[in-house]
C-alpha cells in the first residue's frame, strides 16, 4: 500500500505550542478541505481555554530524511470519552438527537481531533498529493508507537466529501488486521448549508425559496425596517464588546447557553476572548451586532475563509422579539455573503428547523472510530 515516497514519511509527536503559526497555516492553505476551524489561531484559542481538560497529542508528519520539513499535521488530543468534570464543565461532545453512534465506555481513554468539542469541522492538514502517505504514517504511529496510550481513536467532525476522510479510513483499515482493530465509519451529524447561484442577488436568492418561507422572511424584514434603520455592523473592537455579546447570548439561551456562572462558562468566555483577540485580527472571525436605530437587538459570531461564511453562534434580545431579530440577522448575513461573493453560508452542525427555512441542504459529518479487539475476538466496549 505504501509508496516509496510514503515509506519515508513518519509521524512524530510535537507539542502544539512548538509549531510556528506560519508553518501551521501554510499547511492549512494547501489543504483544500480545511476550514477556519483548522487555523492555528482557533486551535490556540481552544488550548488556551480548555487545555486543562485534555492532553496534547499533536502529530506532525515529516520525511525521515528531512525531519525539519513538516509535510502534514494532525491536531490530536487525548482524554477520556467522559471526563469526571465534563458534565459540570459542560464540555461533552454534543451528539445529534436521534442519531445513535456506536457506543464507547465513558471511562475509555480516547484520541480525538484537537478542539473537537468546539470545532464543527476537522481534517488532516496536508497537500492532496501527500494525503494518502500522511494518513498511512499516522495510522502506523497509532498502531505501534502509540498503541498502549489509548482505548479508542474517536475521530469526529470529518466531512463526507473530504478526501482526508477516505484516506484516513483506508489507512486505519489497512492496519486493522495486524493491530487487532475494528474500524467503524458512520455519520455523526449534519451541517445544513445554503448555496448561492453565481451572479444572483438577494432577491434572486429569495426566489429559490418556497412561497411561504419567502413571504415570511420579507414580512418580518419589512416589519423591522418600519421601526427604524436596521444595520448589521461589525464590532470595531470585539474584545471590548465581548460582554455585550455574552449578555445577548445569555438573554437568548440562559442556563442552556455557553456562559453560565460555572467553570465551563468561564472557559467558554476565555475561548471567545482568544477568538476575538487573535482570529478577528486576521479576518478569520467577526463579531457583528444587529441594530435598530442604534439599539443592539442581536449579535452573531461568524468565521470567513473568503469562500464561505460560517454561522457559528448568536444571541438575541427577547425584548425585541416583535422585530424578529434572528430572522433579520440571518437575512442581513445572506445579503452580505452574496455582496462579498461568498458562494455559501454554512449553518454548521445541527438540524434545527430554522436553517431549512433558508433553503439549507444537509451535508454529512462523519466519524471514524477505532476500537481494539479482545483476545476472545470481541470488540472492547
Protein backbone atom coordinates (compact mmCIF):
# COMPACT_ATOMS: atom_id res chain seq x y z
CA UNK A 1 0.00 0.00 0.00
CA UNK A 2 2.75 2.46 0.91
CA UNK A 3 4.63 4.10 -1.93
CA UNK A 4 8.37 4.70 -1.94
CA UNK A 5 7.71 8.32 -1.07
CA UNK A 6 5.23 7.35 1.62
CA UNK A 7 7.71 4.93 3.18
CA UNK A 8 9.93 7.88 4.04
CA UNK A 9 7.17 9.71 5.88
CA UNK A 10 6.91 9.19 9.61
CA UNK A 11 4.56 10.62 12.21
CA UNK A 12 6.02 12.04 15.41
CA UNK A 13 4.56 13.85 18.37
CA UNK A 14 5.24 17.51 18.59
CA UNK A 15 3.76 19.93 21.12
CA UNK A 16 1.19 22.26 19.62
CA UNK A 17 2.96 25.31 21.08
CA UNK A 18 6.21 24.30 19.39
CA UNK A 19 4.78 24.57 15.87
CA UNK A 20 5.02 28.10 14.44
CA UNK A 21 1.70 29.56 13.37
CA UNK A 22 3.20 30.36 9.95
CA UNK A 23 4.12 26.71 9.41
CA UNK A 24 0.71 25.56 10.60
CA UNK A 25 -1.30 27.97 8.45
CA UNK A 26 0.82 27.35 5.37
CA UNK A 27 -0.39 23.74 5.52
CA UNK A 28 -3.95 24.94 6.08
CA UNK A 29 -3.64 26.91 2.85
CA UNK A 30 -2.52 23.77 0.99
CA UNK A 31 -5.39 21.67 2.35
CA UNK A 32 -8.46 22.07 0.13
CA UNK A 33 -10.89 20.79 2.78
CA UNK A 34 -9.52 22.95 5.59
CA UNK A 35 -11.90 25.43 7.17
CA UNK A 36 -11.24 28.26 9.62
CA UNK A 37 -11.56 25.71 12.44
CA UNK A 38 -8.20 24.31 11.32
CA UNK A 39 -6.45 27.67 11.59
CA UNK A 40 -3.73 27.98 14.20
CA UNK A 41 -5.47 30.87 15.98
CA UNK A 42 -8.65 28.82 16.52
CA UNK A 43 -6.77 25.79 17.80
CA UNK A 44 -4.65 28.04 20.02
CA UNK A 45 -7.74 29.71 21.50
CA UNK A 46 -9.14 26.27 22.32
CA UNK A 47 -5.97 25.03 24.03
CA UNK A 48 -5.72 28.26 26.00
CA UNK A 49 -9.29 27.87 27.27
CA UNK A 50 -9.62 24.11 27.64
CA UNK A 51 -6.05 22.82 27.82
CA UNK A 52 -6.51 21.62 31.40
CA UNK A 53 -9.18 19.14 30.22
CA UNK A 54 -7.05 17.30 27.62
CA UNK A 55 -3.53 16.15 26.80
CA UNK A 56 -1.85 17.47 23.68
CA UNK A 57 -1.20 14.66 21.19
CA UNK A 58 -0.48 16.72 18.08
CA UNK A 59 1.21 14.73 15.34
CA UNK A 60 3.42 16.09 12.60
CA UNK A 61 4.41 14.00 9.61
CA UNK A 62 7.91 14.52 8.30
CA UNK A 63 10.23 13.00 5.74
CA UNK A 64 12.61 10.72 7.64
CA UNK A 65 15.47 12.22 5.65
CA UNK A 66 14.43 15.83 6.38
CA UNK A 67 12.84 15.87 9.81
CA UNK A 68 12.70 19.67 9.89
CA UNK A 69 10.28 19.76 6.94
CA UNK A 70 6.68 19.21 8.04
CA UNK A 71 4.60 17.51 5.35
CA UNK A 72 1.43 17.06 7.38
CA UNK A 73 -0.17 17.98 10.70
CA UNK A 74 -2.91 16.11 12.54
CA UNK A 75 -4.25 18.07 15.53
CA UNK A 76 -4.99 15.45 18.18
CA UNK A 77 -5.77 15.38 21.87
CA UNK A 78 -6.07 12.60 24.42
CA UNK A 79 -8.66 12.38 27.19
CA UNK A 80 -11.43 10.15 28.50
CA UNK A 81 -14.62 9.89 26.48
CA UNK A 82 -16.29 11.45 29.50
CA UNK A 83 -14.07 13.25 31.96
CA UNK A 84 -15.37 13.38 35.56
CA UNK A 85 -15.64 17.14 35.25
CA UNK A 86 -17.32 17.14 31.83
CA UNK A 87 -20.90 17.42 32.98
CA UNK A 88 -20.18 20.24 35.41
CA UNK A 89 -17.86 21.96 32.95
CA UNK A 90 -20.28 21.42 30.04
CA UNK A 91 -17.57 20.09 27.73
CA UNK A 92 -19.25 16.91 26.48
CA UNK A 93 -19.24 16.37 22.72
CA UNK A 94 -22.74 17.20 21.54
CA UNK A 95 -24.46 14.37 19.72
CA UNK A 96 -27.31 14.80 17.27
CA UNK A 97 -30.58 13.75 18.93
CA UNK A 98 -31.87 10.51 17.48
CA UNK A 99 -28.54 9.69 15.85
CA UNK A 100 -27.26 6.55 17.56
CA UNK A 101 -23.48 6.35 17.28
CA UNK A 102 -21.50 3.24 18.09
CA UNK A 103 -21.20 3.27 21.90
CA UNK A 104 -17.92 3.69 23.73
CA UNK A 105 -17.49 3.34 27.52
CA UNK A 106 -17.38 6.68 29.30
CA UNK A 107 -14.18 5.55 31.02
CA UNK A 108 -12.36 4.83 27.74
CA UNK A 109 -9.24 6.84 27.08
CA UNK A 110 -9.72 8.31 23.63
CA UNK A 111 -7.77 10.11 20.95
CA UNK A 112 -9.83 12.93 19.44
CA UNK A 113 -9.11 15.63 16.92
CA UNK A 114 -7.92 18.76 18.69
CA UNK A 115 -10.70 21.17 19.68
CA UNK A 116 -13.34 18.58 18.67
CA UNK A 117 -15.65 19.81 21.38
CA UNK A 118 -15.98 23.26 19.83
CA UNK A 119 -14.85 22.91 16.22
CA UNK A 120 -17.53 21.92 13.72
CA UNK A 121 -15.06 20.57 11.15
CA UNK A 122 -11.75 18.71 11.40
CA UNK A 123 -9.32 17.35 8.84
CA UNK A 124 -5.75 16.28 8.16
CA UNK A 125 -3.53 19.17 7.13
CA UNK A 126 -1.61 18.11 4.04
CA UNK A 127 -1.38 18.83 0.35
CA UNK A 128 -3.61 16.50 -1.71
CA UNK A 129 -0.58 14.74 -3.20
CA UNK A 130 0.69 13.86 0.29
CA UNK A 131 -2.61 12.97 1.90
CA UNK A 132 -2.51 9.19 1.45
CA UNK A 133 1.07 8.88 2.67
CA UNK A 134 0.44 11.21 5.60
CA UNK A 135 -2.61 9.15 6.63
CA UNK A 136 -0.60 5.95 6.41
CA UNK A 137 2.11 7.42 8.64
CA UNK A 138 -0.50 8.44 11.21
CA UNK A 139 -2.16 5.02 11.20
CA UNK A 140 1.23 3.32 11.59
CA UNK A 141 2.06 5.58 14.54
CA UNK A 142 -1.23 4.76 16.27
CA UNK A 143 -0.66 1.04 15.69
CA UNK A 144 2.89 0.92 17.02
CA UNK A 145 4.44 3.75 18.98
CA UNK A 146 1.16 4.98 20.42
CA UNK A 147 -0.62 1.65 20.79
CA UNK A 148 -0.61 1.48 24.59
CA UNK A 149 -1.83 5.02 25.20
CA UNK A 150 -5.47 4.76 24.09
CA UNK A 151 -8.56 2.57 24.27
CA UNK A 152 -10.27 4.11 21.25
CA UNK A 153 -9.42 6.53 18.48
CA UNK A 154 -12.56 8.63 18.05
CA UNK A 155 -12.09 10.98 15.12
CA UNK A 156 -15.10 13.21 14.59
CA UNK A 157 -16.11 16.25 12.54
CA UNK A 158 -14.88 14.78 9.23
CA UNK A 159 -16.81 15.97 6.21
CA UNK A 160 -18.15 13.22 3.97
CA UNK A 161 -16.67 14.91 0.90
CA UNK A 162 -13.25 15.44 2.45
CA UNK A 163 -10.57 13.31 0.81
CA UNK A 164 -8.95 13.01 4.23
CA UNK A 165 -11.93 11.01 5.45
CA UNK A 166 -11.36 8.38 2.76
CA UNK A 167 -7.57 8.44 3.17
CA UNK A 168 -7.71 8.02 6.95
CA UNK A 169 -10.34 5.29 6.75
CA UNK A 170 -8.28 3.36 4.20
CA UNK A 171 -5.06 3.69 6.21
CA UNK A 172 -6.70 2.68 9.51
CA UNK A 173 -8.44 -0.30 7.89
CA UNK A 174 -5.11 -1.40 6.38
CA UNK A 175 -3.55 -1.53 9.85
CA UNK A 176 -6.63 -3.10 11.48
CA UNK A 177 -5.94 -6.85 10.92
CA UNK A 178 -2.39 -6.80 12.30
CA UNK A 179 -3.17 -4.26 15.03
CA UNK A 180 -6.30 -6.03 16.26
CA UNK A 181 -8.68 -3.19 15.50
CA UNK A 182 -12.24 -2.79 14.36
CA UNK A 183 -12.75 0.40 12.35
CA UNK A 184 -16.23 1.90 12.14
CA UNK A 185 -17.18 4.69 9.76
CA UNK A 186 -20.54 6.30 10.46
CA UNK A 187 -22.44 9.54 10.07
CA UNK A 188 -22.11 11.71 13.14
CA UNK A 189 -24.19 14.76 12.30
CA UNK A 190 -25.20 17.13 9.50
CA UNK A 191 -24.32 20.69 8.60
CA UNK A 192 -27.13 22.48 6.72
CA UNK A 193 -25.60 24.74 4.05
CA UNK A 194 -27.12 27.40 1.78
CA UNK A 195 -25.51 27.65 -1.66
CA UNK A 196 -25.89 30.80 -3.76
CA UNK A 197 -26.16 30.76 -7.54
CA UNK A 198 -23.36 32.66 -9.28
CA UNK A 199 -24.37 36.21 -10.10
CA UNK A 200 -27.64 36.06 -8.14
CA UNK A 201 -28.64 38.94 -5.89
CA UNK A 202 -30.65 38.69 -2.67
CA UNK A 203 -34.00 38.89 -4.46
CA UNK A 204 -32.96 36.15 -6.85
CA UNK A 205 -31.91 34.05 -3.88
CA UNK A 206 -35.29 34.60 -2.19
CA UNK A 207 -36.87 33.39 -5.42
CA UNK A 208 -35.32 29.96 -4.85
CA UNK A 209 -37.23 29.50 -1.58
CA UNK A 210 -40.73 28.18 -1.13
CA UNK A 211 -43.53 30.72 -1.32
CA UNK A 212 -44.37 30.52 2.39
CA UNK A 213 -40.75 30.94 3.50
CA UNK A 214 -40.13 33.79 1.08
CA UNK A 215 -43.29 35.61 2.23
CA UNK A 216 -42.44 35.24 5.93
CA UNK A 217 -38.87 36.49 5.51
CA UNK A 218 -39.97 39.55 3.54
CA UNK A 219 -42.78 40.29 6.01
CA UNK A 220 -40.53 40.11 9.06
CA UNK A 221 -37.74 42.16 7.49
CA UNK A 222 -40.18 44.89 6.40
CA UNK A 223 -41.78 44.98 9.83
CA UNK A 224 -38.39 45.54 11.45
CA UNK A 225 -37.41 48.17 8.87
CA UNK A 226 -40.64 50.05 9.57
CA UNK A 227 -39.42 50.69 13.11
CA UNK A 228 -36.16 52.30 12.03
CA UNK A 229 -32.85 51.83 10.28
CA UNK A 230 -31.66 48.22 10.54
CA UNK A 231 -27.91 47.63 10.30
CA UNK A 232 -25.67 44.59 10.69
CA UNK A 233 -22.39 46.16 11.68
CA UNK A 234 -19.06 44.57 12.62
CA UNK A 235 -17.62 45.32 16.02
CA UNK A 236 -14.65 47.64 15.83
CA UNK A 237 -13.21 46.05 18.97
CA UNK A 238 -14.59 42.55 19.67
CA UNK A 239 -12.72 42.19 22.96
CA UNK A 240 -14.34 45.35 24.32
CA UNK A 241 -17.71 44.10 23.02
CA UNK A 242 -17.40 40.60 24.49
CA UNK A 243 -19.60 41.50 27.47
CA UNK A 244 -22.32 42.78 25.13
CA UNK A 245 -22.20 39.55 23.12
CA UNK A 246 -22.31 37.41 26.28
CA UNK A 247 -25.28 39.40 27.56
CA UNK A 248 -27.28 38.90 24.35
CA UNK A 249 -26.32 35.24 24.20
CA UNK A 250 -27.43 34.66 27.78
CA UNK A 251 -30.67 36.54 27.21
CA UNK A 252 -31.48 34.06 24.47
CA UNK A 253 -30.11 30.82 25.94
CA UNK A 254 -29.86 31.30 29.69
CA UNK A 255 -28.67 28.19 31.55
CA UNK A 256 -28.50 26.29 28.24
CA UNK A 257 -26.05 28.80 26.81
CA UNK A 258 -22.28 28.92 26.68
CA UNK A 259 -21.69 31.29 29.58
CA UNK A 260 -23.34 30.04 32.78
CA UNK A 261 -21.69 31.03 36.09
CA UNK A 262 -19.62 27.83 36.17
CA UNK A 263 -16.09 26.72 35.34
CA UNK A 264 -17.39 25.76 31.91
CA UNK A 265 -18.84 29.22 31.38
CA UNK A 266 -15.53 30.81 32.34
CA UNK A 267 -13.72 28.54 29.86
CA UNK A 268 -16.18 29.47 27.11
CA UNK A 269 -15.57 33.12 27.77
CA UNK A 270 -11.80 32.58 27.61
CA UNK A 271 -12.24 30.69 24.31
CA UNK A 272 -14.14 33.58 22.76
CA UNK A 273 -11.59 36.04 24.12
CA UNK A 274 -8.93 34.09 22.23
CA UNK A 275 -11.02 34.05 19.05
CA UNK A 276 -11.72 37.77 19.27
CA UNK A 277 -8.14 38.67 20.15
CA UNK A 278 -6.21 36.58 17.64
CA UNK A 279 -8.60 35.37 14.93
CA UNK A 280 -10.56 38.58 14.48
CA UNK A 281 -7.30 40.45 13.97
CA UNK A 282 -6.56 38.41 10.82
CA UNK A 283 -10.11 38.40 9.48
CA UNK A 284 -10.94 34.79 10.37
CA UNK A 285 -13.62 35.65 12.96
CA UNK A 286 -16.06 38.53 13.04
CA UNK A 287 -18.46 39.73 15.73
CA UNK A 288 -21.46 41.64 14.38
CA UNK A 289 -24.34 43.41 16.06
CA UNK A 290 -27.77 43.88 14.53
CA UNK A 291 -29.01 47.32 15.48
CA UNK A 292 -32.29 49.14 15.01
CA UNK A 293 -31.87 52.89 15.33
CA UNK A 294 -28.63 52.21 17.19
CA UNK A 295 -30.13 49.72 19.67
CA UNK A 296 -28.40 46.34 19.68
CA UNK A 297 -31.01 43.60 19.38
CA UNK A 298 -28.88 40.65 18.23
CA UNK A 299 -25.26 39.57 17.86
CA UNK A 300 -23.62 36.98 15.64
CA UNK A 301 -20.18 35.37 15.52
CA UNK A 302 -19.08 34.07 12.14
CA UNK A 303 -15.99 32.59 10.51
CA UNK A 304 -14.99 33.57 6.98
CA UNK A 305 -12.45 31.91 4.70
CA UNK A 306 -13.08 34.04 1.62
CA UNK A 307 -15.39 31.44 0.07
CA UNK A 308 -17.84 30.56 2.82
CA UNK A 309 -19.33 32.37 5.79
CA UNK A 310 -19.79 30.02 8.75
CA UNK A 311 -22.61 30.99 11.12
CA UNK A 312 -21.09 29.92 14.44
CA UNK A 313 -23.02 31.48 17.30
CA UNK A 314 -25.60 34.11 18.06
CA UNK A 315 -27.60 35.84 20.73
CA UNK A 316 -30.78 37.91 20.57
CA UNK A 317 -32.68 40.24 22.86
CA UNK A 318 -36.02 38.57 23.67
CA UNK A 319 -37.45 42.02 24.42
CA UNK A 320 -37.13 42.72 20.68
CA UNK A 321 -38.93 39.57 19.57
CA UNK A 322 -41.57 41.59 17.74
CA UNK A 323 -38.78 42.65 15.36
CA UNK A 324 -37.79 39.01 14.63
CA UNK A 325 -34.09 39.75 15.26
CA UNK A 326 -32.93 36.22 14.45
CA UNK A 327 -34.60 36.20 11.04
CA UNK A 328 -33.49 39.72 10.20
CA UNK A 329 -29.90 38.99 11.21
CA UNK A 330 -29.68 35.88 9.02
CA UNK A 331 -31.20 37.87 6.14
CA UNK A 332 -28.52 40.52 6.55
CA UNK A 333 -25.80 37.86 6.72
CA UNK A 334 -27.05 36.32 3.48
CA UNK A 335 -27.19 39.73 1.79
CA UNK A 336 -23.61 40.34 2.90
CA UNK A 337 -22.45 36.89 1.78
CA UNK A 338 -23.84 37.48 -1.69
CA UNK A 339 -22.43 41.01 -1.88
CA UNK A 340 -18.96 39.76 -0.88
CA UNK A 341 -19.08 36.98 -3.46
CA UNK A 342 -19.19 34.14 -0.96
CA UNK A 343 -20.69 31.05 -2.52
CA UNK A 344 -22.15 29.54 0.64
CA UNK A 345 -23.48 30.26 4.10
CA UNK A 346 -22.83 27.29 6.38
CA UNK A 347 -25.10 26.96 9.40
CA UNK A 348 -22.71 24.33 10.84
CA UNK A 349 -23.68 21.34 12.96
CA UNK A 350 -27.26 20.63 13.93
CA UNK A 351 -30.55 20.16 12.12
CA UNK A 352 -32.51 22.96 13.78
CA UNK A 353 -35.66 23.64 11.73
CA UNK A 354 -34.96 27.35 11.14
CA UNK A 355 -31.96 26.52 8.95
CA UNK A 356 -34.11 24.80 6.35
CA UNK A 357 -36.41 27.80 6.06
CA UNK A 358 -33.45 29.46 4.30
CA UNK A 359 -33.08 26.64 1.78
CA UNK A 360 -30.20 24.90 3.54
CA UNK A 361 -29.27 21.39 2.41
CA UNK A 362 -27.70 18.82 4.73
CA UNK A 363 -24.05 17.91 4.30
CA UNK A 364 -22.99 14.89 6.41
CA UNK A 365 -20.31 14.87 9.07
CA UNK A 366 -18.62 11.54 9.68
CA UNK A 367 -16.88 9.73 12.50
CA UNK A 368 -14.03 7.24 12.28
CA UNK A 369 -13.90 5.05 15.37
CA UNK A 370 -11.08 2.60 16.07
CA UNK A 371 -11.67 0.00 18.80
CA UNK A 372 -9.48 -2.86 19.95
CA UNK A 373 -10.49 -6.50 19.59
CA UNK A 374 -10.09 -8.57 22.76
CA UNK A 375 -8.34 -11.95 22.91
CA UNK A 376 -11.74 -13.64 22.63
CA UNK A 377 -12.44 -11.77 19.41
CA UNK A 378 -14.98 -9.37 20.88
CA UNK A 379 -14.85 -5.63 20.37
CA UNK A 380 -13.63 -3.98 23.55
CA UNK A 381 -16.51 -1.71 24.59
